[in-house]
Amino acid sequence: MHEKQDAGRDRDHGHELDNLIWNALEGEQAGFAIGTANARRFRPEIGPLAAVRDFSPKCLAEFANLVRTTGPLALARSGGGEDTIIPDLEIVRGAQGVQMVFAGDEAALEAVEHAVADPRIVPLGESDYPEMLALASLTEPGPFAARTGDLGRFWGVREDGRLLAMAGQRMRTRHHIEVSAVCTHPDGRGRGLAALLSRRVVAAIREEGRRPVLHSYTDNATARALYRRLGFSERSLVRFTQYAPQA
């Protein structure tokens, strides 16, 4: 396994992560996008994540129209701060998050290698989508819809045929791929499955020569501690805001 990026190259392309959703929707995952030149979203069956080219009035106006015509959407704004007020839209929810990038040491990389060979891990595909959606709906790891699995590779752990845990890939840019939908059924918690599956996803991303990135809510101390143990370091704050048409 390897990553093509060296530290200098990461600095050159750090902007990818400042507007990650937009760079995914405008680039490699454009086929999953609908919207305009300034405001785009993933198709509804993929999920409610959206992005604007920038936070200018013009872009926000086009985003507002996208919300009115396609339903509630979530924006992410790098740097944290307060929710952005957008005319004719109401804020359903605002939350502070943190963006974390993989920079694992030797021990973290060794654990990633071991995860690849773990026989408990199975690949998940389209036939698993109903179970994946049910698990995500129960555990709420973040936005997940009927066909979120189309965005990348997913893996899970099953016990007696039941899906106990999963993790996979969501947003993809030239140099980064997001680890996402890391979740474990309550019956399977305390067994290290979230860590195991996260490492499997990290391995696959590194095999492509890209760097893993993920997001967590700042008030989820347990998740942030887990990701630090896996080799992720915190890069920046991100403000997540969900909008709906004004009643």
Protein backbone atom coordinates (compact mmCIF):
# COMPACT_ATOMS: atom_id res chain seq x y z
CA MET A 1 0.00 0.00 0.00
CA HIS A 2 1.12 3.51 -0.67
CA GLU A 3 0.00 7.09 -1.04
CA LYS A 4 1.15 9.15 -3.99
CA GLN A 5 1.06 12.39 -2.02
CA ASP A 6 4.06 13.69 -0.19
CA ALA A 7 3.72 16.44 2.42
CA GLY A 8 4.44 19.23 -0.06
CA ARG A 9 1.86 17.94 -2.48
CA ASP A 10 -0.72 17.75 0.32
CA ARG A 11 -0.12 21.43 1.03
CA ASP A 12 -0.56 22.26 -2.64
CA HIS A 13 -3.92 20.48 -2.79
CA GLY A 14 -5.24 21.17 0.68
CA HIS A 15 -7.96 23.32 -0.88
CA GLU A 16 -9.76 20.14 -1.94
CA LEU A 17 -10.76 19.63 1.67
CA ASP A 18 -11.90 23.20 2.25
CA ASN A 19 -14.93 22.54 0.01
CA LEU A 20 -14.86 18.76 -0.16
CA ILE A 21 -18.49 18.17 -1.14
CA TRP A 22 -18.31 20.69 -3.97
CA ASN A 23 -15.08 19.23 -5.31
CA ALA A 24 -16.64 15.76 -5.28
CA LEU A 25 -19.84 16.89 -7.00
CA GLU A 26 -17.96 18.91 -9.60
CA GLY A 27 -15.32 16.26 -10.23
CA GLU A 28 -15.26 12.47 -10.03
CA GLN A 29 -18.82 12.17 -8.69
CA ALA A 30 -20.47 14.64 -11.06
CA GLY A 31 -22.59 11.80 -12.40
CA PHE A 32 -24.36 11.63 -9.04
CA ALA A 33 -25.05 15.38 -8.96
CA ILE A 34 -27.97 17.59 -9.89
CA GLY A 35 -28.13 21.37 -9.73
CA THR A 36 -26.46 24.37 -11.33
CA ALA A 37 -23.02 25.77 -11.99
CA ASN A 38 -23.04 27.30 -8.49
CA ALA A 39 -25.12 24.95 -6.30
CA ARG A 40 -25.28 21.19 -6.50
CA ARG A 41 -26.52 18.24 -4.51
CA PHE A 42 -26.26 14.49 -4.63
CA ARG A 43 -29.35 12.94 -6.21
CA PRO A 44 -32.07 12.34 -3.59
CA GLU A 45 -31.61 8.57 -3.60
CA ILE A 46 -27.92 9.11 -2.76
CA GLY A 47 -28.50 11.53 0.12
CA PRO A 48 -29.11 15.14 1.19
CA LEU A 49 -25.56 16.52 1.02
CA ALA A 50 -25.14 19.63 -1.10
CA ALA A 51 -22.54 22.31 -1.75
CA VAL A 52 -22.08 25.75 -3.24
CA ARG A 53 -19.15 27.00 -5.28
CA ASP A 54 -18.73 29.73 -2.67
CA PHE A 55 -20.90 31.49 -0.12
CA SER A 56 -21.68 34.50 -2.30
CA PRO A 57 -25.30 35.75 -2.51
CA LYS A 58 -25.62 34.37 -6.05
CA CYS A 59 -24.54 30.87 -5.06
CA LEU A 60 -26.71 30.87 -1.95
CA ALA A 61 -29.73 31.99 -3.98
CA GLU A 62 -29.23 29.07 -6.36
CA PHE A 63 -28.85 26.76 -3.37
CA ALA A 64 -32.13 28.09 -1.92
CA ASN A 65 -33.88 27.29 -5.18
CA LEU A 66 -32.41 23.78 -5.09
CA VAL A 67 -33.85 23.28 -1.60
CA ARG A 68 -37.26 24.56 -2.70
CA THR A 69 -37.37 22.27 -5.73
CA THR A 70 -35.74 19.09 -4.37
CA GLY A 71 -36.25 19.13 -0.58
CA PRO A 72 -34.20 19.68 2.58
CA LEU A 73 -30.43 19.77 2.11
CA ALA A 74 -27.30 20.00 4.22
CA LEU A 75 -24.34 22.31 3.64
CA ALA A 76 -20.86 22.08 5.14
CA ARG A 77 -18.81 25.22 5.70
CA SER A 78 -15.13 24.87 6.49
CA GLY A 79 -13.88 26.74 9.53
CA GLY A 80 -16.90 26.17 11.75
CA GLY A 81 -18.62 29.23 13.15
CA GLU A 82 -22.31 30.02 13.07
CA ASP A 83 -24.95 28.71 10.69
CA THR A 84 -25.27 30.75 7.51
CA ILE A 85 -28.61 32.53 7.20
CA ILE A 86 -30.10 32.05 3.72
CA PRO A 87 -33.18 34.05 2.64
CA ASP A 88 -36.39 32.01 2.23
CA LEU A 89 -34.90 28.97 4.00
CA GLU A 90 -35.22 27.82 7.58
CA ILE A 91 -32.48 26.10 9.54
CA VAL A 92 -33.59 22.65 10.63
CA ARG A 93 -30.39 21.79 12.44
CA GLY A 94 -26.88 23.13 12.90
CA ALA A 95 -23.95 21.20 14.32
CA GLN A 96 -20.24 21.71 14.76
CA GLY A 97 -18.05 19.08 13.21
CA VAL A 98 -14.39 18.35 12.70
CA GLN A 99 -12.57 17.16 9.60
CA MET A 100 -9.84 14.60 10.22
CA VAL A 101 -7.14 13.35 7.84
CA PHE A 102 -5.25 10.07 8.07
CA ALA A 103 -1.60 10.48 9.00
CA GLY A 104 -0.99 7.13 10.62
CA ASP A 105 2.30 6.12 12.21
CA GLU A 106 3.92 2.71 11.82
CA ALA A 107 1.66 1.06 14.39
CA ALA A 108 -1.47 2.47 12.74
CA LEU A 109 -0.34 1.26 9.34
CA GLU A 110 0.39 -2.21 10.71
CA ALA A 111 -3.14 -2.38 12.14
CA VAL A 112 -4.52 -1.37 8.74
CA GLU A 113 -2.61 -4.23 7.12
CA HIS A 114 -4.03 -6.72 9.65
CA ALA A 115 -7.57 -5.53 8.99
CA VAL A 116 -7.30 -6.42 5.31
CA ALA A 117 -6.75 -10.06 6.22
CA ASP A 118 -9.46 -10.30 8.89
CA PRO A 119 -11.85 -13.09 7.83
CA ARG A 120 -14.82 -11.49 9.56
CA ILE A 121 -14.98 -8.67 7.01
CA VAL A 122 -17.16 -9.15 3.94
CA PRO A 123 -17.72 -6.80 0.99
CA LEU A 124 -21.20 -5.28 0.73
CA GLY A 125 -23.05 -4.69 -2.51
CA GLU A 126 -26.37 -3.66 -3.96
CA SER A 127 -28.19 -6.68 -2.55
CA ASP A 128 -27.18 -5.48 0.92
CA TYR A 129 -28.55 -1.94 0.49
CA PRO A 130 -31.80 -2.51 2.44
CA GLU A 131 -29.88 -3.86 5.46
CA MET A 132 -27.30 -1.08 5.18
CA LEU A 133 -30.03 1.55 5.19
CA ALA A 134 -31.74 -0.09 8.16
CA LEU A 135 -28.48 -0.15 10.14
CA ALA A 136 -27.72 3.47 9.28
CA SER A 137 -31.26 4.53 10.20
CA LEU A 138 -30.91 2.83 13.58
CA THR A 139 -27.45 4.14 14.46
CA GLU A 140 -27.43 7.53 12.65
CA PRO A 141 -23.77 7.76 11.56
CA GLY A 142 -24.65 10.68 9.27
CA PRO A 143 -26.64 11.20 6.07
CA PHE A 144 -27.40 7.85 4.43
CA ALA A 145 -30.04 7.00 1.83
CA ALA A 146 -31.24 4.09 -0.28
CA ARG A 147 -28.35 4.27 -2.78
CA THR A 148 -25.54 5.89 -0.80
CA GLY A 149 -23.67 2.66 -1.41
CA ASP A 150 -23.26 3.65 -5.07
CA LEU A 151 -20.62 6.20 -4.06
CA GLY A 152 -17.87 3.74 -3.17
CA ARG A 153 -16.90 0.40 -1.68
CA PHE A 154 -18.44 -0.78 1.60
CA TRP A 155 -17.57 -3.59 3.97
CA GLY A 156 -19.42 -5.16 6.84
CA VAL A 157 -19.34 -7.78 9.57
CA ARG A 158 -22.17 -10.29 9.77
CA GLU A 159 -23.15 -12.60 12.59
CA ASP A 160 -25.70 -15.35 12.05
CA GLY A 161 -26.48 -13.69 8.74
CA ARG A 162 -27.30 -10.32 10.29
CA LEU A 163 -25.37 -7.16 9.41
CA LEU A 164 -23.80 -6.01 12.69
CA ALA A 165 -21.48 -3.25 11.49
CA MET A 166 -20.36 -1.47 8.34
CA ALA A 167 -18.13 1.27 6.95
CA GLY A 168 -17.44 2.55 3.48
CA GLN A 169 -16.49 5.33 1.12
CA ARG A 170 -18.52 8.42 0.30
CA MET A 171 -17.00 11.57 -1.24
CA ARG A 172 -14.14 11.23 -3.69
CA THR A 173 -11.80 13.92 -4.99
CA ARG A 174 -8.52 13.76 -6.87
CA HIS A 175 -6.40 13.25 -3.78
CA HIS A 176 -8.82 12.21 -1.02
CA ILE A 177 -11.60 9.73 -0.31
CA GLU A 178 -13.93 10.02 2.67
CA VAL A 179 -14.42 7.24 5.19
CA SER A 180 -18.12 7.26 5.99
CA ALA A 181 -21.13 5.41 7.45
CA VAL A 182 -19.06 3.86 10.24
CA CYS A 183 -21.69 2.26 12.44
CA THR A 184 -22.33 -0.73 14.68
CA HIS A 185 -25.60 -2.26 15.82
CA PRO A 186 -26.07 -1.97 19.61
CA ASP A 187 -25.77 -5.77 19.84
CA GLY A 188 -22.28 -5.63 18.36
CA ARG A 189 -20.74 -2.74 20.25
CA GLY A 190 -17.68 -3.10 22.44
CA ARG A 191 -16.02 -5.58 20.11
CA GLY A 192 -13.88 -3.21 18.05
CA LEU A 193 -15.89 -3.61 14.86
CA ALA A 194 -15.99 0.10 14.04
CA ALA A 195 -12.21 0.31 14.28
CA LEU A 196 -11.74 -2.88 12.26
CA LEU A 197 -13.98 -1.75 9.40
CA SER A 198 -12.59 1.79 9.39
CA ARG A 199 -9.11 0.33 8.94
CA ARG A 200 -10.37 -1.81 6.05
CA VAL A 201 -11.71 1.30 4.31
CA VAL A 202 -8.44 3.16 4.99
CA ALA A 203 -6.53 0.30 3.37
CA ALA A 204 -8.63 0.45 0.22
CA ILE A 205 -8.23 4.22 -0.06
CA ARG A 206 -4.47 4.00 0.34
CA GLU A 207 -4.34 1.26 -2.29
CA GLU A 208 -5.73 3.84 -4.73
CA GLY A 209 -2.94 6.24 -3.80
CA ARG A 210 -5.28 8.68 -2.08
CA ARG A 211 -5.50 9.95 1.48
CA PRO A 212 -8.38 9.01 3.81
CA VAL A 213 -10.44 11.83 5.32
CA LEU A 214 -13.48 11.68 7.59
CA HIS A 215 -15.81 13.86 9.62
CA SER A 216 -17.13 13.66 13.17
CA TYR A 217 -19.24 15.88 15.38
CA THR A 218 -17.17 17.81 17.89
CA ASP A 219 -19.41 16.70 20.77
CA ASN A 220 -18.85 13.01 19.95
CA ALA A 221 -15.76 12.53 22.10
CA THR A 222 -15.90 8.74 21.78
CA ALA A 223 -15.78 8.80 17.97
CA ARG A 224 -13.03 11.42 17.86
CA ALA A 225 -10.91 9.41 20.29
CA LEU A 226 -11.41 6.30 18.16
CA TYR A 227 -10.34 8.07 14.98
CA ARG A 228 -7.23 9.47 16.66
CA ARG A 229 -6.31 5.95 17.73
CA LEU A 230 -6.73 4.84 14.13
CA GLY A 231 -4.21 7.43 12.99
CA PHE A 232 -6.38 10.41 12.03
CA SER A 233 -5.49 13.95 13.03
CA GLU A 234 -7.87 16.89 13.20
CA ARG A 235 -7.47 19.31 10.30
CA SER A 236 -10.25 21.89 10.64
CA LEU A 237 -13.66 22.63 12.05
CA VAL A 238 -16.69 22.29 9.79
CA ARG A 239 -20.17 23.71 10.33
CA PHE A 240 -22.94 21.38 9.16
CA THR A 241 -26.31 23.04 8.57
CA GLN A 242 -29.51 21.45 7.32
CA TYR A 243 -31.98 23.70 5.50
CA ALA A 244 -35.63 23.34 4.50
CA PRO A 245 -38.01 25.62 2.58
CA GLN A 246 -39.42 28.37 4.76
CA ALA A 247 -42.95 27.54 5.86
